[in-house]
N, C-alpha and C. Protein backbone atom coordinates (compact mmCIF):
# COMPACT_ATOMS: atom_id res chain seq x y z
N MET A 1 0.80 -1.21 -0.04
CA MET A 1 -0.05 -0.05 0.07
C MET A 1 0.88 1.24 0.11
N LEU A 2 0.72 2.39 -0.94
CA LEU A 2 1.38 3.57 -0.98
C LEU A 2 0.98 4.29 0.31
N ARG A 3 2.06 5.03 0.87
CA ARG A 3 1.84 5.80 1.97
C ARG A 3 2.27 7.33 1.52
N PRO A 4 1.52 8.38 1.96
CA PRO A 4 2.06 9.59 1.42
C PRO A 4 3.48 9.94 2.35
N LYS A 5 4.18 10.63 1.61
CA LYS A 5 5.28 11.24 2.35
C LYS A 5 4.92 12.37 3.16
N ILE A 6 5.36 12.14 4.57
CA ILE A 6 5.08 13.18 5.55
C ILE A 6 6.59 13.72 5.94
N PRO A 7 6.68 15.20 5.89
CA PRO A 7 8.08 15.46 6.31
C PRO A 7 8.37 15.02 7.69
N THR A 8 9.62 14.92 7.95
CA THR A 8 10.15 14.42 9.31
C THR A 8 10.32 15.66 10.04
N ASN A 9 10.72 16.68 9.53
CA ASN A 9 10.98 17.84 10.28
C ASN A 9 10.28 18.88 9.76
N PRO A 10 8.92 19.21 10.28
CA PRO A 10 8.20 20.09 9.67
C PRO A 10 8.68 21.67 10.03
N LEU A 11 8.28 22.63 9.42
CA LEU A 11 8.71 23.95 9.72
C LEU A 11 7.80 24.45 10.72
N PRO A 12 8.48 25.15 11.95
CA PRO A 12 7.64 25.44 12.89
C PRO A 12 6.55 26.38 12.50
N THR A 13 5.39 26.44 13.24
CA THR A 13 4.10 27.01 12.91
C THR A 13 4.06 28.29 13.67
N GLY A 14 4.57 28.39 14.84
CA GLY A 14 4.52 29.50 15.96
C GLY A 14 5.56 30.47 15.65
N ILE A 15 5.85 31.36 16.75
CA ILE A 15 6.86 32.22 16.78
C ILE A 15 7.97 31.53 17.28
N VAL A 16 9.14 31.57 16.70
CA VAL A 16 10.30 30.93 17.23
C VAL A 16 11.21 32.13 17.96
N THR A 17 11.44 31.90 19.00
CA THR A 17 12.78 32.85 19.27
C THR A 17 13.75 32.08 19.88
N GLY A 18 14.71 32.75 19.44
CA GLY A 18 16.16 32.18 19.72
C GLY A 18 16.90 32.70 21.02
N THR A 19 17.91 32.11 21.46
CA THR A 19 18.73 32.67 22.35
C THR A 19 19.89 33.36 21.84
N ALA A 20 20.02 34.56 22.48
CA ALA A 20 21.16 35.43 22.00
C ALA A 20 22.39 34.97 22.55
N ARG A 21 23.46 34.81 21.68
CA ARG A 21 24.68 34.29 22.14
C ARG A 21 25.59 35.58 22.34
N SER A 22 26.34 35.56 23.34
CA SER A 22 27.36 36.70 23.73
C SER A 22 28.87 36.67 23.14
N ASP A 23 28.99 35.29 22.94
CA ASP A 23 30.42 35.13 22.43
C ASP A 23 30.65 35.53 21.11
N VAL A 24 29.65 35.69 20.13
CA VAL A 24 29.64 36.02 18.71
C VAL A 24 29.53 37.46 18.47
N PRO A 25 30.51 38.23 18.04
CA PRO A 25 30.24 39.72 17.81
C PRO A 25 29.30 40.09 17.01
N ALA A 26 28.43 40.97 17.09
CA ALA A 26 27.25 41.45 16.09
C ALA A 26 28.03 42.16 14.84
N VAL A 27 27.67 41.68 13.83
CA VAL A 27 28.23 42.43 12.46
C VAL A 27 27.09 43.34 12.02
N PRO A 28 27.30 44.56 11.82
CA PRO A 28 26.18 45.46 11.20
C PRO A 28 25.95 45.17 9.81
N HIS A 29 24.71 45.21 9.62
CA HIS A 29 24.13 44.85 8.06
C HIS A 29 24.65 46.04 7.15
N GLN A 30 25.23 45.53 6.21
CA GLN A 30 25.75 46.76 5.12
C GLN A 30 24.98 46.64 4.03
N THR A 31 24.40 47.64 3.37
CA THR A 31 23.58 47.62 2.01
C THR A 31 24.66 47.99 0.93
N PRO A 32 24.46 47.14 -0.22
CA PRO A 32 25.31 47.63 -1.13
C PRO A 32 25.20 48.91 -1.85
N ALA A 33 26.13 49.47 -2.39
CA ALA A 33 26.14 50.87 -3.21
C ALA A 33 25.33 50.56 -4.21
N PRO A 34 24.33 51.77 -4.42
CA PRO A 34 23.44 51.33 -5.73
C PRO A 34 24.17 51.74 -6.90
N ALA A 35 23.73 51.04 -8.09
CA ALA A 35 24.35 50.92 -9.31
C ALA A 35 24.31 52.19 -9.83
N PRO A 36 25.41 52.58 -10.68
CA PRO A 36 25.25 53.79 -11.42
C PRO A 36 24.22 53.81 -12.35
N MET A 37 23.40 54.95 -12.49
CA MET A 37 22.34 55.10 -13.45
C MET A 37 22.91 55.68 -14.85
N ALA A 38 22.46 54.75 -15.77
CA ALA A 38 22.64 55.32 -17.08
C ALA A 38 21.96 56.52 -17.54
N PRO A 39 22.50 57.37 -18.33
CA PRO A 39 21.99 58.56 -18.75
C PRO A 39 20.67 58.06 -19.59
N ALA A 40 19.47 58.82 -19.35
CA ALA A 40 18.30 58.69 -20.02
C ALA A 40 18.33 59.21 -21.57
N ARG A 41 18.16 58.27 -22.52
CA ARG A 41 18.19 58.37 -23.73
C ARG A 41 17.32 57.49 -24.45
N PRO A 42 16.96 57.74 -25.89
CA PRO A 42 16.10 56.78 -26.39
C PRO A 42 17.06 55.46 -26.68
N THR A 43 16.16 54.26 -26.68
CA THR A 43 16.81 53.08 -26.92
C THR A 43 17.27 52.87 -28.33
N VAL A 44 16.72 53.18 -29.42
CA VAL A 44 16.92 53.17 -30.70
C VAL A 44 17.23 54.65 -31.15
N GLN A 45 18.30 54.74 -31.69
CA GLN A 45 18.69 55.90 -32.50
C GLN A 45 18.98 55.80 -33.99
N LEU A 46 17.94 56.43 -34.79
CA LEU A 46 18.16 56.16 -36.08
C LEU A 46 18.43 57.40 -36.74
N THR A 47 19.43 57.27 -37.56
CA THR A 47 19.98 58.33 -38.48
C THR A 47 18.92 58.50 -39.70
N PRO A 48 19.05 59.67 -40.26
CA PRO A 48 18.19 59.97 -41.55
C PRO A 48 18.41 58.74 -42.44
N GLY A 49 19.58 58.19 -42.78
CA GLY A 49 19.82 57.16 -43.78
C GLY A 49 19.33 55.79 -43.44
N ALA A 50 19.19 55.49 -42.09
CA ALA A 50 18.52 54.41 -41.34
C ALA A 50 17.12 54.47 -41.72
N VAL A 51 16.69 55.91 -41.64
CA VAL A 51 15.00 55.87 -41.65
C VAL A 51 14.77 55.47 -43.11
N VAL A 52 15.49 56.00 -44.13
CA VAL A 52 15.33 55.87 -45.28
C VAL A 52 15.35 54.45 -45.95
N ALA A 53 16.44 53.65 -45.23
CA ALA A 53 16.59 52.26 -45.35
C ALA A 53 15.51 51.48 -45.00
N VAL A 54 14.70 51.80 -43.49
CA VAL A 54 13.73 51.04 -43.23
C VAL A 54 12.65 51.35 -44.05
N ILE A 55 12.34 52.55 -44.40
CA ILE A 55 11.07 52.95 -45.14
C ILE A 55 11.25 52.13 -46.83
N GLY A 56 12.49 52.06 -47.25
CA GLY A 56 12.44 51.37 -48.44
C GLY A 56 12.52 49.80 -48.23
N GLY A 57 12.86 49.36 -47.17
CA GLY A 57 12.78 47.83 -46.90
C GLY A 57 11.30 47.36 -46.60
N GLY A 58 10.41 48.47 -45.87
CA GLY A 58 9.05 48.10 -45.75
C GLY A 58 8.25 48.15 -47.02
N THR A 59 8.88 49.11 -47.97
CA THR A 59 8.04 49.18 -49.38
C THR A 59 8.15 47.91 -50.09
N ALA A 60 9.63 47.46 -50.07
CA ALA A 60 9.93 46.36 -50.81
C ALA A 60 9.15 45.04 -50.48
N VAL A 61 9.12 44.84 -48.94
CA VAL A 61 8.35 43.75 -48.50
C VAL A 61 6.94 43.94 -48.91
N VAL A 62 6.13 45.13 -48.85
CA VAL A 62 4.91 45.21 -49.09
C VAL A 62 4.57 45.01 -50.78
N LEU A 63 5.68 45.33 -51.52
CA LEU A 63 5.51 44.95 -53.11
C LEU A 63 5.69 43.59 -53.29
N VAL A 64 6.48 42.86 -52.72
CA VAL A 64 6.86 41.48 -52.94
C VAL A 64 5.48 40.64 -52.27
N VAL A 65 4.99 40.90 -51.28
CA VAL A 65 3.81 40.17 -50.64
C VAL A 65 2.68 40.50 -51.51
N GLY A 66 2.62 41.85 -51.99
CA GLY A 66 1.52 41.96 -52.90
C GLY A 66 1.53 41.13 -54.37
N ALA A 67 2.80 41.37 -54.62
CA ALA A 67 2.78 40.43 -55.86
C ALA A 67 2.61 38.82 -55.69
N VAL A 68 3.03 38.35 -54.62
CA VAL A 68 2.67 36.99 -54.42
C VAL A 68 1.12 36.63 -54.24
N LEU A 69 0.55 37.76 -53.62
CA LEU A 69 -0.92 37.51 -53.39
C LEU A 69 -1.57 37.57 -54.73
N VAL A 70 -1.29 38.57 -55.67
CA VAL A 70 -2.05 38.73 -56.72
C VAL A 70 -1.64 37.61 -57.62
N SER A 71 -0.37 37.03 -57.65
CA SER A 71 -0.10 35.92 -58.42
C SER A 71 -0.97 34.75 -57.92
N MET A 72 -1.15 34.41 -56.78
CA MET A 72 -1.93 33.55 -56.12
C MET A 72 -3.52 33.49 -56.76
N LEU A 73 -3.88 34.86 -56.69
CA LEU A 73 -5.38 34.98 -57.06
C LEU A 73 -5.58 34.64 -58.59
N LEU A 74 -4.49 35.17 -59.51
CA LEU A 74 -4.55 34.71 -60.72
C LEU A 74 -4.37 33.23 -60.98
N ALA A 75 -3.78 32.58 -60.22
CA ALA A 75 -3.69 31.09 -60.24
C ALA A 75 -4.97 30.55 -60.12
N VAL A 76 -5.48 30.84 -58.81
CA VAL A 76 -6.90 30.38 -58.58
C VAL A 76 -7.79 30.81 -59.52
N ALA A 77 -7.98 31.95 -60.52
CA ALA A 77 -8.81 32.34 -61.20
C ALA A 77 -8.66 31.69 -62.56
N LEU A 78 -7.51 31.25 -62.87
CA LEU A 78 -7.20 30.52 -64.05
C LEU A 78 -7.49 29.06 -63.81
N THR A 79 -7.28 28.50 -62.63
CA THR A 79 -7.88 27.12 -62.53
C THR A 79 -9.19 27.02 -62.44
N ALA A 80 -9.92 28.14 -61.98
CA ALA A 80 -11.41 27.94 -62.02
C ALA A 80 -12.00 28.07 -63.43
N VAL A 81 -11.35 28.82 -64.17
CA VAL A 81 -11.65 29.12 -65.67
C VAL A 81 -11.50 27.67 -66.41
N SER A 82 -10.48 27.18 -66.18
CA SER A 82 -10.17 25.89 -66.88
C SER A 82 -10.92 24.90 -66.55
N LEU A 83 -11.24 24.74 -65.28
CA LEU A 83 -12.43 23.75 -64.94
C LEU A 83 -13.71 24.02 -65.26
N ALA A 84 -14.10 25.18 -65.43
CA ALA A 84 -15.50 25.71 -66.00
C ALA A 84 -15.47 25.16 -67.47
N ILE A 85 -14.48 25.62 -68.33
CA ILE A 85 -14.36 25.09 -69.56
C ILE A 85 -14.53 23.86 -69.93
N SER A 86 -13.67 23.01 -69.01
CA SER A 86 -13.60 21.62 -69.14
C SER A 86 -15.07 21.10 -68.73
N ALA A 87 -15.64 21.43 -67.67
CA ALA A 87 -17.15 21.05 -67.37
C ALA A 87 -18.03 21.29 -68.51
N LEU A 88 -18.16 22.42 -69.10
CA LEU A 88 -18.84 22.69 -70.20
C LEU A 88 -18.41 21.76 -71.51
N VAL A 89 -17.37 21.54 -71.72
CA VAL A 89 -17.02 20.51 -72.59
C VAL A 89 -17.68 19.20 -72.46
N ILE A 90 -17.25 18.69 -71.23
CA ILE A 90 -17.72 17.38 -70.91
C ILE A 90 -19.29 17.41 -71.07
N ARG A 91 -19.84 18.32 -70.50
CA ARG A 91 -21.53 18.25 -70.57
C ARG A 91 -21.95 18.29 -72.04
N SER A 92 -21.28 18.91 -72.95
CA SER A 92 -21.80 19.11 -74.27
C SER A 92 -21.38 17.70 -74.98
N LEU A 93 -20.36 16.97 -74.73
CA LEU A 93 -20.24 15.82 -75.29
C LEU A 93 -21.22 14.76 -74.64
N VAL A 94 -21.60 14.89 -73.32
CA VAL A 94 -22.60 13.82 -72.82
C VAL A 94 -23.96 14.14 -73.48
N ALA A 95 -24.14 15.31 -73.65
CA ALA A 95 -25.68 15.81 -74.27
C ALA A 95 -25.58 15.41 -75.73
N SER A 96 -24.57 15.45 -76.34
CA SER A 96 -24.44 15.05 -77.71
C SER A 96 -24.67 13.46 -78.10
N GLN A 97 -24.04 12.73 -77.13
CA GLN A 97 -24.04 11.35 -77.18
C GLN A 97 -25.56 10.87 -76.93
N ASN A 98 -26.06 11.61 -75.89
CA ASN A 98 -27.64 11.21 -75.45
C ASN A 98 -28.65 11.55 -76.88
N HIS A 99 -28.33 12.48 -77.66
CA HIS A 99 -29.23 13.00 -78.75
C HIS A 99 -28.89 11.84 -79.92
N ARG A 100 -27.88 11.15 -79.99
CA ARG A 100 -27.63 10.26 -81.11
C ARG A 100 -28.31 8.82 -81.13
């Protein structure tokens, strides 16, 4: 049978008071010195050339994505047209065989 593991040395639940030792000298608590603060400035500094490069790169990405989407739309349209023409040809062949 499985038994749950019970801690053998549980944490105290009440207020624990310790005895003061007189043979150990008291060490004052020292706080560390605060870290030097960096000067307040913007995180990203863009030069005019970098701004132009970012705008040009964004424009290029938009143009490429647009071209891909338009080509996919044309591919779907051409597929739909070819299927429609094939369906009309097959329908006409089946109808002409029934009339003979």
